[in-house]
């Protein structure tokens, strides 16, 4: 472990403050603090790949997601790590997993027109194979229809036998003969029932569609729903100076060091393994710059997770400065410790296995606190499509309470004149703008802070209040909300 990095255990004594985290279901906390680098399609498919092996892998991944409540990016990454699929088959498997999950409501709406019983009553391999095949028929055109139907039926036969394979074959052949039934939504619902229209067309639960409609109106909500239905680009951040960039990788105008990759390559993978580059979404990078860290500050990343933002903050501080990064999950801190050990980081980085509420008084107060709070995660459903089916309005209500408590604790650790940055990867009003309005009402010694001096124009990324307001439609990145507040000198 390099000098300057200190693994410090949580303060001794009873942990009454852990009660707040215990009130938040673990699945919500773990889902928000998920790994940063979700797998992405490495290559554009230029020819029809071998379907069966890719389909087998995708079926296994989808089964794990459904049966074990696994996260898509972890389940897929684990399967790809041990597979011998070539690049095109890996890309197809990834497409099948993410596409089937993202379009599940639309798929099931169409599929149910050709199945006389409830889809949930079907054996899992049958249901998932029919979903994958329907996804390909509705949204992809690289594999001939008869070929993908044959492969789907073969896989059902292997899993469930000849009789069930005959059922799957009949369903899919009937679907091929009835393309007029392939549209999952009705145009008249656009005015009569816009939440249902958006939900069926772009595969969202109605309650999420209503959140978009309530905040943005129909035209804007539909544009955002369409963007959320797509796949995210691969964003990178430069960690070391590079004379040249790999083919397909280009720099962005803002923020500094941000890159966008159009495709993968052995050269790019080598630079990632050498820690010359790291995978980090554009929105995540912008939030770290939005904090405005600078030499001479004592900073706290109060919910650091895997530490993508922590690392950027540390690189903005000066020699001898201190960054405290805390998280209750030791596996995430261990991964952050390994990353820091591989890089040259001048400030002292103190890792705390603790919640913000458990942070010892001996750590003192701070000039900058980032609260990247646990949230509904609806802003990252392009990368984690299963999230849309696992969240509920009750989850949002529970998370709002946890966020409020975190913010109140953060306010108590601010030095006079210090900056508090609150961020969430979601677009709900309750977790974003309304959370800040309530915080300002509770703490009259807080005020909105001006935008930081970052060397680029913030105008494309912020609203009239100076709040960071990102979305996939306008910025082609995850949806993030962030606000900068400052404690007055008194």
Protein backbone atom coordinates (compact mmCIF):
# COMPACT_ATOMS: atom_id res chain seq x y z
CA UNK A 1 0.00 0.00 0.00
CA UNK A 2 1.46 3.37 -1.02
CA UNK A 3 2.26 6.11 1.50
CA UNK A 4 -0.58 8.59 1.82
CA UNK A 5 -3.31 5.96 1.84
CA UNK A 6 -4.59 5.00 5.26
CA UNK A 7 -7.15 2.29 5.95
CA UNK A 8 -8.78 3.44 9.16
CA UNK A 9 -11.41 1.32 10.95
CA UNK A 10 -14.65 2.93 12.11
CA UNK A 11 -14.76 4.51 15.52
CA UNK A 12 -15.17 2.05 18.39
CA UNK A 13 -18.27 1.93 20.52
CA UNK A 14 -21.98 1.34 19.86
CA UNK A 15 -23.28 2.13 16.40
CA UNK A 16 -26.62 3.76 17.08
CA UNK A 17 -26.24 5.74 13.88
CA UNK A 18 -26.43 2.53 11.86
CA UNK A 19 -30.18 2.59 12.43
CA UNK A 20 -30.70 4.91 9.46
CA UNK A 21 -29.04 2.46 7.10
CA UNK A 22 -30.95 -0.45 8.58
CA UNK A 23 -34.20 1.35 7.81
CA UNK A 24 -33.19 1.42 4.15
CA UNK A 25 -33.60 -2.01 2.52
CA UNK A 26 -30.16 -3.39 1.67
CA UNK A 27 -31.21 -4.04 -1.93
CA UNK A 28 -31.76 -0.29 -2.39
CA UNK A 29 -28.40 0.68 -0.92
CA UNK A 30 -26.47 -2.00 -2.79
CA UNK A 31 -28.19 -1.20 -6.05
CA UNK A 32 -27.23 2.47 -5.84
CA UNK A 33 -23.62 1.72 -4.93
CA UNK A 34 -23.13 -0.68 -7.83
CA UNK A 35 -19.84 -0.98 -9.77
CA UNK A 36 -19.05 1.85 -12.16
CA UNK A 37 -18.00 -0.09 -15.22
CA UNK A 38 -20.99 -1.91 -16.64
CA UNK A 39 -20.24 -4.06 -19.73
CA UNK A 40 -21.06 -2.44 -23.03
CA UNK A 41 -21.32 -3.56 -26.60
CA UNK A 42 -17.75 -3.75 -27.79
CA UNK A 43 -18.33 -3.87 -31.53
CA UNK A 44 -21.05 -3.10 -34.02
CA UNK A 45 -22.32 -6.32 -35.57
CA UNK A 46 -21.48 -6.33 -39.27
CA UNK A 47 -22.48 -9.91 -40.00
CA UNK A 48 -24.83 -12.45 -38.51
CA UNK A 49 -22.96 -14.07 -35.60
CA UNK A 50 -23.37 -17.61 -34.36
CA UNK A 51 -26.63 -17.37 -32.47
CA UNK A 52 -26.91 -20.45 -30.27
CA UNK A 53 -23.90 -19.96 -28.02
CA UNK A 54 -24.66 -16.28 -27.53
CA UNK A 55 -28.29 -17.13 -26.79
CA UNK A 56 -27.28 -19.81 -24.29
CA UNK A 57 -25.12 -17.35 -22.39
CA UNK A 58 -27.81 -14.67 -22.47
CA UNK A 59 -30.40 -17.16 -21.21
CA UNK A 60 -28.18 -18.09 -18.28
CA UNK A 61 -27.61 -14.42 -17.41
CA UNK A 62 -31.31 -13.56 -17.62
CA UNK A 63 -32.13 -16.59 -15.46
CA UNK A 64 -29.71 -15.42 -12.78
CA UNK A 65 -31.14 -11.92 -12.86
CA UNK A 66 -34.70 -13.21 -12.46
CA UNK A 67 -34.08 -16.11 -10.08
CA UNK A 68 -31.33 -14.68 -7.87
CA UNK A 69 -32.20 -10.97 -8.11
CA UNK A 70 -28.72 -10.48 -9.59
CA UNK A 71 -27.58 -7.23 -11.19
CA UNK A 72 -27.37 -7.40 -14.96
CA UNK A 73 -23.89 -5.95 -15.35
CA UNK A 74 -22.40 -8.27 -12.73
CA UNK A 75 -24.15 -11.41 -13.97
CA UNK A 76 -23.21 -10.67 -17.59
CA UNK A 77 -19.64 -9.74 -16.76
CA UNK A 78 -19.15 -12.96 -14.79
CA UNK A 79 -20.45 -15.09 -17.65
CA UNK A 80 -18.44 -13.30 -20.32
CA UNK A 81 -15.26 -13.58 -18.26
CA UNK A 82 -15.31 -17.37 -18.54
CA UNK A 83 -16.80 -17.74 -22.02
CA UNK A 84 -14.95 -18.45 -25.24
CA UNK A 85 -17.32 -16.47 -27.43
CA UNK A 86 -15.76 -14.30 -30.10
CA UNK A 87 -16.32 -10.55 -30.16
CA UNK A 88 -19.45 -10.71 -32.30
CA UNK A 89 -21.11 -13.39 -30.19
CA UNK A 90 -20.21 -11.50 -27.01
CA UNK A 91 -21.81 -8.41 -28.50
CA UNK A 92 -24.94 -10.36 -29.41
CA UNK A 93 -25.19 -11.89 -25.93
CA UNK A 94 -24.86 -8.42 -24.41
CA UNK A 95 -27.50 -7.05 -26.77
CA UNK A 96 -29.91 -9.86 -25.89
CA UNK A 97 -29.49 -9.38 -22.15
CA UNK A 98 -29.79 -5.60 -22.03
CA UNK A 99 -32.36 -5.32 -24.79
CA UNK A 100 -34.64 -8.00 -23.38
CA UNK A 101 -34.51 -6.42 -19.93
CA UNK A 102 -35.00 -2.87 -21.16
CA UNK A 103 -37.91 -3.73 -23.48
CA UNK A 104 -39.54 -6.31 -21.21
CA UNK A 105 -42.93 -4.59 -20.86
CA UNK A 106 -43.25 -3.98 -24.60
CA UNK A 107 -42.10 -7.53 -25.31
CA UNK A 108 -44.55 -9.09 -22.86
CA UNK A 109 -47.42 -7.00 -24.23
CA UNK A 110 -46.86 -8.36 -27.74
CA UNK A 111 -45.97 -11.87 -26.63
CA UNK A 112 -49.12 -12.21 -24.52
CA UNK A 113 -51.20 -11.81 -27.69
CA UNK A 114 -49.84 -15.14 -28.89
CA UNK A 115 -49.84 -17.09 -25.60
CA UNK A 116 -53.19 -18.16 -24.16
CA UNK A 117 -52.01 -18.24 -20.53
CA UNK A 118 -50.13 -15.85 -18.31
CA UNK A 119 -46.48 -15.55 -19.21
CA UNK A 120 -45.43 -15.95 -15.57
CA UNK A 121 -46.95 -19.44 -15.58
CA UNK A 122 -44.48 -20.60 -18.24
CA UNK A 123 -41.30 -22.37 -17.22
CA UNK A 124 -38.47 -19.85 -16.90
CA UNK A 125 -36.39 -21.14 -19.88
CA UNK A 126 -39.48 -21.00 -22.10
CA UNK A 127 -40.52 -17.52 -20.98
CA UNK A 128 -37.01 -16.06 -21.28
CA UNK A 129 -36.36 -17.67 -24.66
CA UNK A 130 -39.65 -16.33 -26.00
CA UNK A 131 -38.78 -12.89 -24.67
CA UNK A 132 -35.36 -12.91 -26.33
CA UNK A 133 -36.79 -14.09 -29.63
CA UNK A 134 -39.56 -11.49 -29.49
CA UNK A 135 -36.99 -8.78 -28.75
CA UNK A 136 -35.04 -9.77 -31.84
CA UNK A 137 -38.15 -9.85 -34.01
CA UNK A 138 -39.39 -6.45 -32.82
CA UNK A 139 -36.16 -4.48 -32.47
CA UNK A 140 -33.30 -6.18 -34.35
CA UNK A 141 -32.86 -7.17 -37.96
CA UNK A 142 -29.36 -8.63 -38.15
CA UNK A 143 -30.46 -12.26 -37.78
CA UNK A 144 -33.00 -13.71 -40.25
CA UNK A 145 -36.31 -14.40 -38.51
CA UNK A 146 -36.41 -18.10 -39.38
CA UNK A 147 -32.88 -18.59 -38.04
CA UNK A 148 -33.50 -16.94 -34.68
CA UNK A 149 -36.79 -18.85 -34.27
CA UNK A 150 -35.00 -22.14 -34.95
CA UNK A 151 -32.30 -21.34 -32.43
CA UNK A 152 -34.83 -20.30 -29.79
CA UNK A 153 -36.81 -23.50 -30.26
CA UNK A 154 -33.66 -25.64 -30.05
CA UNK A 155 -32.74 -24.04 -26.76
CA UNK A 156 -36.24 -24.63 -25.37
CA UNK A 157 -36.03 -28.25 -26.47
CA UNK A 158 -32.69 -28.67 -24.74
CA UNK A 159 -34.06 -27.21 -21.51
CA UNK A 160 -37.65 -28.51 -21.44
CA UNK A 161 -38.10 -31.24 -24.04
CA UNK A 162 -39.76 -31.76 -27.39
CA UNK A 163 -43.35 -31.04 -26.36
CA UNK A 164 -42.52 -27.65 -24.87
CA UNK A 165 -40.32 -26.88 -27.87
CA UNK A 166 -43.34 -27.50 -30.08
CA UNK A 167 -45.30 -24.97 -28.05
CA UNK A 168 -42.54 -22.36 -28.40
CA UNK A 169 -42.29 -23.05 -32.12
CA UNK A 170 -46.04 -22.57 -32.57
CA UNK A 171 -45.99 -19.28 -30.66
CA UNK A 172 -43.12 -17.83 -32.66
CA UNK A 173 -44.36 -19.07 -36.06
CA UNK A 174 -47.78 -17.59 -35.31
CA UNK A 175 -46.06 -14.33 -34.42
CA UNK A 176 -44.22 -14.31 -37.74
CA UNK A 177 -47.54 -14.66 -39.55
CA UNK A 178 -49.18 -11.80 -37.63
CA UNK A 179 -46.90 -8.79 -37.85
CA UNK A 180 -49.89 -6.46 -37.57
CA UNK A 181 -49.94 -7.37 -33.85
CA UNK A 182 -46.34 -6.35 -33.23
CA UNK A 183 -46.98 -2.79 -32.02
CA UNK A 184 -47.21 -2.84 -28.20
CA UNK A 185 -48.95 0.53 -27.82
CA UNK A 186 -52.01 2.28 -29.24
CA UNK A 187 -51.64 5.74 -30.77
CA UNK A 188 -54.91 6.96 -29.25
CA UNK A 189 -53.41 6.50 -25.78
CA UNK A 190 -50.95 9.32 -26.48
CA UNK A 191 -53.71 11.80 -25.65
CA UNK A 192 -56.17 9.58 -23.78
CA UNK A 193 -53.68 7.87 -21.44
CA UNK A 194 -50.17 9.26 -21.96
CA UNK A 195 -48.61 7.33 -19.06
CA UNK A 196 -49.78 4.04 -20.54
CA UNK A 197 -48.67 5.18 -24.01
CA UNK A 198 -45.14 5.98 -22.84
CA UNK A 199 -45.01 2.88 -20.67
CA UNK A 200 -45.94 0.50 -23.48
CA UNK A 201 -44.00 2.22 -26.26
CA UNK A 202 -40.77 2.74 -24.32
CA UNK A 203 -41.15 -0.09 -21.81
CA UNK A 204 -41.52 1.77 -18.53
CA UNK A 205 -43.77 1.15 -15.53
CA UNK A 206 -46.66 3.60 -15.58
CA UNK A 207 -45.51 5.24 -12.33
CA UNK A 208 -42.13 6.13 -13.86
CA UNK A 209 -43.83 7.43 -17.00
CA UNK A 210 -46.04 9.63 -14.78
CA UNK A 211 -42.97 11.03 -13.04
CA UNK A 212 -41.60 12.10 -16.43
CA UNK A 213 -44.95 13.54 -17.52
CA UNK A 214 -45.50 15.47 -14.29
CA UNK A 215 -42.09 17.08 -14.50
CA UNK A 216 -41.71 17.67 -18.23
CA UNK A 217 -45.03 17.44 -20.09
CA UNK A 218 -45.80 15.00 -22.90
CA UNK A 219 -43.44 16.14 -25.68
CA UNK A 220 -40.38 16.40 -23.46
CA UNK A 221 -41.31 13.27 -21.48
CA UNK A 222 -41.52 11.22 -24.67
CA UNK A 223 -38.13 12.45 -25.86
CA UNK A 224 -36.62 11.46 -22.52
CA UNK A 225 -38.40 8.09 -22.48
CA UNK A 226 -37.01 7.35 -25.94
CA UNK A 227 -33.51 8.26 -24.76
CA UNK A 228 -33.80 6.06 -21.68
CA UNK A 229 -34.78 3.13 -23.92
CA UNK A 230 -31.42 3.24 -25.72
CA UNK A 231 -27.98 2.01 -24.78
CA UNK A 232 -25.38 4.32 -23.22
CA UNK A 233 -22.08 5.24 -24.84
CA UNK A 234 -18.79 4.34 -23.22
CA UNK A 235 -17.16 7.30 -21.48
CA UNK A 236 -13.60 7.30 -20.20
CA UNK A 237 -11.42 9.55 -18.11
CA UNK A 238 -7.73 10.12 -18.72
CA UNK A 239 -5.57 9.27 -15.69
CA UNK A 240 -2.16 9.67 -17.31
CA UNK A 241 -0.80 11.78 -20.20
CA UNK A 242 -1.12 10.02 -23.55
CA UNK A 243 0.61 10.97 -26.80
CA UNK A 244 -2.10 9.31 -28.88
CA UNK A 245 -5.54 7.88 -28.25
CA UNK A 246 -6.76 4.47 -29.42
CA UNK A 247 -8.77 4.31 -32.60
CA UNK A 248 -12.41 5.18 -31.94
CA UNK A 249 -11.63 7.19 -28.79
CA UNK A 250 -12.00 10.98 -28.92
CA UNK A 251 -11.76 13.80 -26.34
CA UNK A 252 -14.81 15.78 -25.24
CA UNK A 253 -14.90 19.56 -24.99
CA UNK A 254 -15.85 19.28 -21.32
CA UNK A 255 -14.93 18.32 -18.70
CA UNK A 256 -11.12 18.12 -18.89
CA UNK A 257 -9.84 14.59 -19.40
CA UNK A 258 -13.19 13.18 -20.54
CA UNK A 259 -13.19 10.84 -23.54
CA UNK A 260 -15.81 8.96 -25.53
CA UNK A 261 -15.20 5.55 -27.09
CA UNK A 262 -17.12 4.49 -30.18
CA UNK A 263 -15.76 0.95 -30.06
CA UNK A 264 -13.46 -1.30 -28.08
CA UNK A 265 -10.01 -2.46 -29.12
CA UNK A 266 -7.04 -4.36 -27.68
CA UNK A 267 -5.20 -1.03 -27.35
CA UNK A 268 -8.03 0.49 -25.33
CA UNK A 269 -8.24 -2.55 -23.06
CA UNK A 270 -4.48 -2.39 -22.50
CA UNK A 271 -4.69 1.28 -21.45
CA UNK A 272 -7.50 0.45 -19.03
CA UNK A 273 -5.48 -2.37 -17.50
CA UNK A 274 -2.47 -0.06 -17.18
CA UNK A 275 -4.61 2.55 -15.36
CA UNK A 276 -3.88 5.14 -18.04
CA UNK A 277 -7.64 5.41 -18.57
CA UNK A 278 -10.64 4.54 -16.45
CA UNK A 279 -14.29 3.98 -17.30
CA UNK A 280 -16.49 6.71 -15.83
CA UNK A 281 -19.77 8.10 -17.11
CA UNK A 282 -19.80 11.71 -18.24
CA UNK A 283 -22.32 12.62 -15.56
CA UNK A 284 -20.17 11.16 -12.81
CA UNK A 285 -17.16 13.13 -14.04
CA UNK A 286 -19.16 16.36 -14.19
CA UNK A 287 -20.34 15.93 -10.60
CA UNK A 288 -16.76 15.57 -9.37
CA UNK A 289 -15.80 18.79 -11.21
CA UNK A 290 -18.98 20.45 -9.91
CA UNK A 291 -17.64 19.98 -6.38
CA UNK A 292 -14.92 22.52 -7.10
CA UNK A 293 -12.20 20.80 -5.07
CA UNK A 294 -8.91 22.71 -4.95
CA UNK A 295 -5.59 22.62 -3.07
CA UNK A 296 -5.83 23.54 0.58
CA UNK A 297 -9.20 21.91 1.17
CA UNK A 298 -10.14 19.18 3.61
CA UNK A 299 -12.76 17.10 1.77
CA UNK A 300 -15.23 14.31 2.51
CA UNK A 301 -16.86 11.91 0.05
CA UNK A 302 -19.66 10.79 2.34
CA UNK A 303 -21.05 7.91 0.22
CA UNK A 304 -18.03 6.97 -1.87
CA UNK A 305 -19.03 3.54 -3.22
CA UNK A 306 -16.29 2.35 -5.57
CA UNK A 307 -14.76 5.80 -5.48
CA UNK A 308 -14.90 7.07 -9.06
CA UNK A 309 -15.65 10.58 -7.82
CA UNK A 310 -13.29 10.16 -4.83
CA UNK A 311 -10.39 9.53 -7.17
CA UNK A 312 -11.08 12.66 -9.23
CA UNK A 313 -11.49 14.75 -6.06
CA UNK A 314 -8.18 13.45 -4.72
CA UNK A 315 -6.45 14.40 -7.96
CA UNK A 316 -7.79 17.96 -7.63
CA UNK A 317 -6.55 18.45 -4.07
CA UNK A 318 -2.97 19.35 -3.25
CA UNK A 319 -0.05 17.61 -1.52
CA UNK A 320 -0.69 17.34 2.20
CA UNK A 321 -4.46 17.77 1.84
CA UNK A 322 -6.84 15.14 3.19
CA UNK A 323 -9.77 13.39 1.58
CA UNK A 324 -11.91 11.16 3.78
CA UNK A 325 -13.97 8.61 1.85
CA UNK A 326 -16.54 6.55 3.72
CA UNK A 327 -18.87 3.72 2.80
CA UNK A 328 -20.40 0.92 4.89
CA UNK A 329 -19.54 -1.82 2.38
CA UNK A 330 -15.95 -3.07 2.90
CA UNK A 331 -15.69 -4.73 -0.52
CA UNK A 332 -16.13 -1.37 -2.22
CA UNK A 333 -13.51 0.27 0.00
CA UNK A 334 -11.09 -2.54 -0.78
CA UNK A 335 -11.53 -1.96 -4.51
CA UNK A 336 -10.99 1.78 -4.02
CA UNK A 337 -7.89 1.08 -1.94
CA UNK A 338 -6.47 -1.09 -4.71
CA UNK A 339 -7.15 1.60 -7.31
CA UNK A 340 -5.51 4.30 -5.22
CA UNK A 341 -2.51 2.06 -4.59
CA UNK A 342 -1.96 1.74 -8.34
CA UNK A 343 -2.00 5.50 -8.96
CA UNK A 344 0.04 8.47 -7.83
CA UNK A 345 -2.24 10.41 -5.50
CA UNK A 346 -0.61 13.20 -3.49
CA UNK A 347 -3.30 13.93 -0.89
CA UNK A 348 -3.79 11.67 2.09
CA UNK A 349 -6.85 9.50 1.47
CA UNK A 350 -8.51 8.10 4.57
CA UNK A 351 -10.95 5.24 3.97
CA UNK A 352 -13.66 4.72 6.56
CA UNK A 353 -15.85 1.64 6.68
CA UNK A 354 -18.76 3.63 8.04
CA UNK A 355 -21.82 5.63 7.20
CA UNK A 356 -21.71 9.40 7.42
CA UNK A 357 -23.62 9.14 10.70
CA UNK A 358 -20.86 6.89 12.11
CA UNK A 359 -17.96 9.10 11.05
CA UNK A 360 -15.90 9.76 14.19
CA UNK A 361 -15.69 13.27 15.59
CA UNK A 362 -11.90 12.95 15.46
CA UNK A 363 -12.09 13.32 11.68
CA UNK A 364 -13.12 16.92 12.28
CA UNK A 365 -15.14 19.16 9.99
CA UNK A 366 -14.65 19.77 6.29
CA UNK A 367 -14.30 22.50 3.67
CA UNK A 368 -16.05 20.35 1.05
CA UNK A 369 -18.54 17.51 1.49
CA UNK A 370 -19.97 15.46 -1.36
CA UNK A 371 -23.12 13.50 -0.52
CA UNK A 372 -23.67 11.25 -3.52
CA UNK A 373 -26.70 9.77 -1.81
CA UNK A 374 -28.41 6.41 -2.20
CA UNK A 375 -31.29 6.99 -4.59
CA UNK A 376 -33.82 5.27 -6.82
CA UNK A 377 -31.22 5.01 -9.60
CA UNK A 378 -33.77 5.78 -12.31
CA UNK A 379 -31.20 7.92 -14.08
CA UNK A 380 -29.03 4.91 -14.90
CA UNK A 381 -31.68 2.56 -16.30
CA UNK A 382 -29.89 2.52 -19.65
CA UNK A 383 -26.98 0.76 -17.95
CA UNK A 384 -29.04 -1.12 -15.36
CA UNK A 385 -32.34 -1.83 -17.17
CA UNK A 386 -33.65 -4.19 -14.49
CA UNK A 387 -33.87 -1.21 -12.12
CA UNK A 388 -37.09 -0.02 -13.75
CA UNK A 389 -38.80 -3.30 -12.76
CA UNK A 390 -37.38 -3.43 -9.23
CA UNK A 391 -38.25 0.05 -8.01
CA UNK A 392 -41.58 1.30 -6.65
CA UNK A 393 -42.97 4.63 -5.44
CA UNK A 394 -42.58 3.31 -1.88
CA UNK A 395 -38.85 2.90 -2.51
CA UNK A 396 -38.60 6.54 -3.54
CA UNK A 397 -40.36 7.63 -0.36
CA UNK A 398 -38.00 5.55 1.79
CA UNK A 399 -34.94 6.88 0.00
CA UNK A 400 -36.06 10.49 0.37
CA UNK A 401 -36.07 10.03 4.14
CA UNK A 402 -32.58 8.51 4.12
CA UNK A 403 -31.25 11.30 1.90
CA UNK A 404 -32.69 13.95 4.22
CA UNK A 405 -31.00 12.37 7.22
CA UNK A 406 -27.67 12.15 5.40
CA UNK A 407 -27.86 15.81 4.42
CA UNK A 408 -28.64 16.90 7.98
CA UNK A 409 -25.59 15.02 9.24
CA UNK A 410 -23.44 16.50 6.47
CA UNK A 411 -24.49 20.04 7.37
CA UNK A 412 -23.24 19.46 10.91
CA UNK A 413 -19.75 18.61 9.59
CA UNK A 414 -19.28 21.75 7.48
CA UNK A 415 -16.76 24.41 8.38
CA UNK A 416 -18.00 28.02 8.12
CA UNK A 417 -17.92 28.99 4.44
CA UNK A 418 -17.64 25.34 3.37
CA UNK A 419 -19.37 23.81 0.34
CA UNK A 420 -21.91 20.97 0.39
CA UNK A 421 -22.64 19.15 -2.87
CA UNK A 422 -25.64 16.83 -3.02
CA UNK A 423 -26.04 14.50 -5.99
CA UNK A 424 -28.33 11.64 -7.07
CA UNK A 425 -28.50 9.56 -10.24
CA UNK A 426 -32.23 9.97 -10.75
CA UNK A 427 -34.75 12.42 -12.19
CA UNK A 428 -37.51 12.41 -9.56
CA UNK A 429 -38.49 15.76 -8.08
CA UNK A 430 -38.65 14.35 -4.56
CA UNK A 431 -35.04 13.19 -4.60
CA UNK A 432 -33.72 16.22 -6.46
CA UNK A 433 -34.97 19.83 -6.45
CA UNK A 434 -37.53 19.28 -3.69
CA UNK A 435 -34.91 17.69 -1.45
CA UNK A 436 -32.78 20.83 -1.74
CA UNK A 437 -35.73 23.15 -1.10
CA UNK A 438 -36.57 21.27 2.10
CA UNK A 439 -32.91 21.32 3.19
CA UNK A 440 -32.68 25.10 2.76
CA UNK A 441 -35.85 25.51 4.81
CA UNK A 442 -34.45 23.38 7.65
CA UNK A 443 -31.05 25.08 7.67
CA UNK A 444 -31.28 28.86 7.19
CA UNK A 445 -27.49 29.19 7.49
CA UNK A 446 -27.18 27.43 4.11
CA UNK A 447 -27.31 29.27 0.79
CA UNK A 448 -26.83 28.36 -2.83
CA UNK A 449 -23.18 28.43 -3.85
CA UNK A 450 -21.92 29.86 -7.16
CA UNK A 451 -20.64 27.55 -9.87
CA UNK A 452 -17.02 26.48 -9.49
CA UNK A 453 -14.24 27.76 -11.71
CA UNK A 454 -13.49 24.66 -13.75
CA UNK A 455 -12.04 25.96 -17.00
CA UNK A 456 -15.13 25.15 -19.10
CA UNK A 457 -18.63 26.52 -19.65
CA UNK A 458 -21.22 25.09 -17.26
CA UNK A 459 -24.17 26.54 -19.21
CA UNK A 460 -25.06 23.34 -21.15
CA UNK A 461 -25.22 21.32 -17.94
CA UNK A 462 -27.01 23.47 -15.34
CA UNK A 463 -30.45 25.00 -14.85
CA UNK A 464 -31.27 28.59 -13.90
CA UNK A 465 -30.56 27.85 -10.22
CA UNK A 466 -27.10 26.55 -11.03
CA UNK A 467 -28.13 22.97 -10.30
CA UNK A 468 -26.55 20.24 -12.39
CA UNK A 469 -29.39 18.71 -14.43
CA UNK A 470 -28.20 15.96 -16.77
CA UNK A 471 -30.15 13.52 -18.91
CA UNK A 472 -29.54 11.12 -21.81
CA UNK A 473 -31.59 13.19 -24.28
CA UNK A 474 -29.57 16.40 -24.02
CA UNK A 475 -26.20 15.14 -22.80
CA UNK A 476 -26.13 11.45 -23.82
CA UNK A 477 -25.16 10.48 -20.28
CA UNK A 478 -26.86 9.14 -17.18
CA UNK A 479 -29.50 11.37 -15.61
CA UNK A 480 -27.99 13.15 -12.61
CA UNK A 481 -29.13 15.94 -10.35
CA UNK A 482 -26.72 17.89 -8.17
CA UNK A 483 -26.81 21.11 -6.17
CA UNK A 484 -24.07 23.26 -4.58
CA UNK A 485 -24.75 24.85 -1.21
CA UNK A 486 -22.55 26.90 1.08
CA UNK A 487 -22.59 27.37 4.82
CA UNK A 488 -22.50 31.03 5.72
CA UNK A 489 -19.65 32.32 7.84
CA UNK A 490 -21.82 32.75 10.96
